[in-house]
Protein backbone atom coordinates (compact mmCIF):
# COMPACT_ATOMS: atom_id res chain seq x y z
CA MET A 1 0.00 0.00 0.00
CA ASN A 2 1.26 3.42 -0.91
CA PRO A 3 1.49 5.70 2.17
CA PHE A 4 0.50 8.70 0.06
CA LEU A 5 -2.94 7.33 -0.79
CA GLU A 6 -5.78 8.24 1.51
CA PRO A 7 -7.84 5.34 2.95
CA THR A 8 -10.97 6.36 0.99
CA THR A 9 -9.01 6.37 -2.25
CA PHE A 10 -7.72 2.90 -1.47
CA LEU A 11 -11.29 1.64 -0.86
CA ALA A 12 -12.45 3.19 -4.12
CA LEU A 13 -9.62 1.45 -5.96
CA GLN A 14 -10.59 -1.89 -4.40
CA ALA A 15 -14.29 -1.50 -5.32
CA SER A 16 -13.55 -0.60 -8.91
CA SER A 17 -11.21 -3.55 -9.29
CA SER A 18 -14.10 -6.08 -9.05
CA PRO A 19 -15.07 -7.65 -12.38
CA PHE A 20 -18.61 -6.17 -12.31
CA GLY A 21 -17.55 -2.70 -11.21
CA ALA A 22 -19.73 -0.67 -8.88
CA LEU A 23 -22.88 -2.68 -9.76
CA GLY A 24 -21.43 -5.92 -8.40
CA GLY A 25 -23.35 -5.61 -5.14
CA PHE A 26 -26.66 -5.05 -6.90
CA ILE A 27 -26.50 -8.10 -9.16
CA PRO A 28 -27.88 -10.55 -6.54
CA MET A 29 -30.76 -8.18 -5.78
CA ILE A 30 -31.54 -7.82 -9.47
CA LEU A 31 -31.51 -11.60 -9.91
CA ILE A 32 -33.88 -12.04 -6.95
CA PHE A 33 -36.26 -9.48 -8.45
CA VAL A 34 -36.19 -11.21 -11.85
CA ILE A 35 -36.91 -14.61 -10.28
CA PHE A 36 -39.71 -13.09 -8.16
CA TYR A 37 -41.23 -11.51 -11.27
CA VAL A 38 -41.08 -14.69 -13.35
CA VAL A 39 -42.35 -17.02 -10.61
CA LEU A 40 -45.08 -14.82 -9.07
CA MET A 41 -46.02 -11.84 -11.19
CA LEU A 42 -46.30 -13.36 -14.69
CA PRO A 43 -48.66 -16.20 -13.67
CA MET A 44 -50.84 -13.73 -11.75
CA GLN A 45 -51.06 -11.45 -14.80
CA ARG A 46 -51.99 -14.39 -17.03
CA GLN A 47 -54.66 -15.54 -14.57
CA ARG A 48 -56.09 -12.03 -14.30
CA LYS A 49 -56.24 -11.72 -18.11
CA ALA A 50 -57.94 -15.12 -18.43
CA LEU A 51 -60.56 -14.15 -15.83
CA ALA A 52 -61.21 -10.82 -17.58
CA GLN A 53 -61.61 -12.64 -20.91
CA MET A 54 -64.01 -15.16 -19.34
CA ILE A 55 -66.10 -12.38 -17.77
CA GLU A 56 -66.19 -10.50 -21.08
CA ASN A 57 -67.47 -13.63 -22.88
CA LEU A 58 -70.26 -14.48 -20.41
CA LYS A 59 -73.47 -15.53 -22.11
CA LYS A 60 -76.90 -16.81 -21.17
CA GLY A 61 -76.75 -20.36 -19.78
CA ASP A 62 -73.22 -20.19 -18.30
CA LYS A 63 -72.96 -21.59 -14.78
CA VAL A 64 -70.77 -19.36 -12.60
CA ILE A 65 -69.66 -18.84 -9.03
CA THR A 66 -69.40 -15.41 -7.45
CA SER A 67 -66.74 -14.17 -5.08
CA GLY A 68 -69.38 -14.34 -2.33
CA GLY A 69 -69.88 -18.06 -2.92
CA LEU A 70 -73.17 -18.00 -4.82
CA TYR A 71 -73.58 -20.57 -7.57
CA GLY A 72 -75.91 -19.59 -10.36
CA GLU A 73 -76.79 -19.67 -14.02
CA VAL A 74 -76.56 -16.54 -16.15
CA THR A 75 -79.99 -15.56 -17.45
CA ALA A 76 -79.13 -12.10 -18.82
CA VAL A 77 -76.12 -9.86 -19.31
CA ASP A 78 -76.71 -6.11 -18.96
CA GLY A 79 -73.50 -4.10 -19.39
CA PRO A 80 -71.57 -4.22 -16.10
CA THR A 81 -74.13 -6.48 -14.38
CA VAL A 82 -75.37 -10.05 -14.80
CA LEU A 83 -78.69 -11.55 -13.81
CA LEU A 84 -78.13 -14.92 -12.08
CA ARG A 85 -80.71 -17.61 -11.40
CA ILE A 86 -79.66 -19.13 -8.08
CA ALA A 87 -82.83 -21.18 -7.45
CA ASP A 88 -86.28 -21.70 -8.98
CA ASN A 89 -87.93 -18.28 -9.31
CA VAL A 90 -84.97 -16.57 -7.58
CA ARG A 91 -82.87 -14.20 -9.65
CA VAL A 92 -80.13 -11.91 -8.40
CA ARG A 93 -78.42 -9.02 -10.16
CA VAL A 94 -74.63 -9.26 -9.64
CA ALA A 95 -71.74 -7.11 -10.84
CA LYS A 96 -69.59 -8.81 -13.45
CA SER A 97 -66.53 -8.06 -11.32
CA ALA A 98 -68.01 -10.24 -8.54
CA ILE A 99 -67.87 -13.35 -10.73
CA SER A 100 -64.83 -15.42 -9.82
CA GLY A 101 -65.11 -18.19 -12.39
CA LEU A 102 -67.13 -20.79 -14.19
CA GLU A 103 -68.75 -23.38 -11.97
CA GLY A 104 -67.72 -26.58 -13.73
CA THR A 105 -64.06 -25.85 -14.55
CA PRO A 106 -62.24 -27.13 -11.40
CA GLU A 107 -64.53 -30.13 -10.97
CA LYS A 108 -63.83 -31.39 -14.49
CA THR A 109 -60.09 -31.48 -13.87
CA GLU A 110 -60.55 -33.26 -10.52
CA LYS A 111 -62.80 -35.88 -12.08
CA ALA A 112 -60.29 -36.43 -14.86
CA ASP A 113 -57.50 -36.88 -12.31
CA LYS A 114 -59.59 -39.33 -10.28
CA GLY A 115 -60.41 -41.27 -13.42
CA ASP A 116 -56.72 -41.55 -14.28
CA LYS A 117 -55.89 -42.83 -10.79
CA SER A 118 -58.62 -45.47 -10.86
CA ASP A 119 -57.49 -46.62 -14.31
CA LYS A 120 -53.92 -47.01 -13.07
CA GLY A 121 -55.07 -48.96 -10.01
CA SER A 122 -57.12 -51.43 -12.04
CA ASN A 123 -54.20 -52.21 -14.38
CA SER A 124 -51.85 -53.16 -11.54
């Protein structure tokens, strides 16, 4: 070490001698952010777009579930609202934004999975 160099100058020389320069300390944080974005944010955006597309394409006869837990069949679509039939002679007007999905979608995948498991068990 040269006695004429001040300690802060020596530290600056050490920091700039790293292969990534001054950004070397930020690279792990940037990588964590990129992984976080790819693992969490992109799937959420895709799911939100799919839900918006499904709500936009609602038509009479679709069976839906609301965010409040009501199951019903769409009887009419009026702009931002939907008229649901939840029982015989019982109709409720619900905001489209309150619809969380189609009623039959998750059940179909579960039944298909159960069918695959029972087929595998019978072959063994």
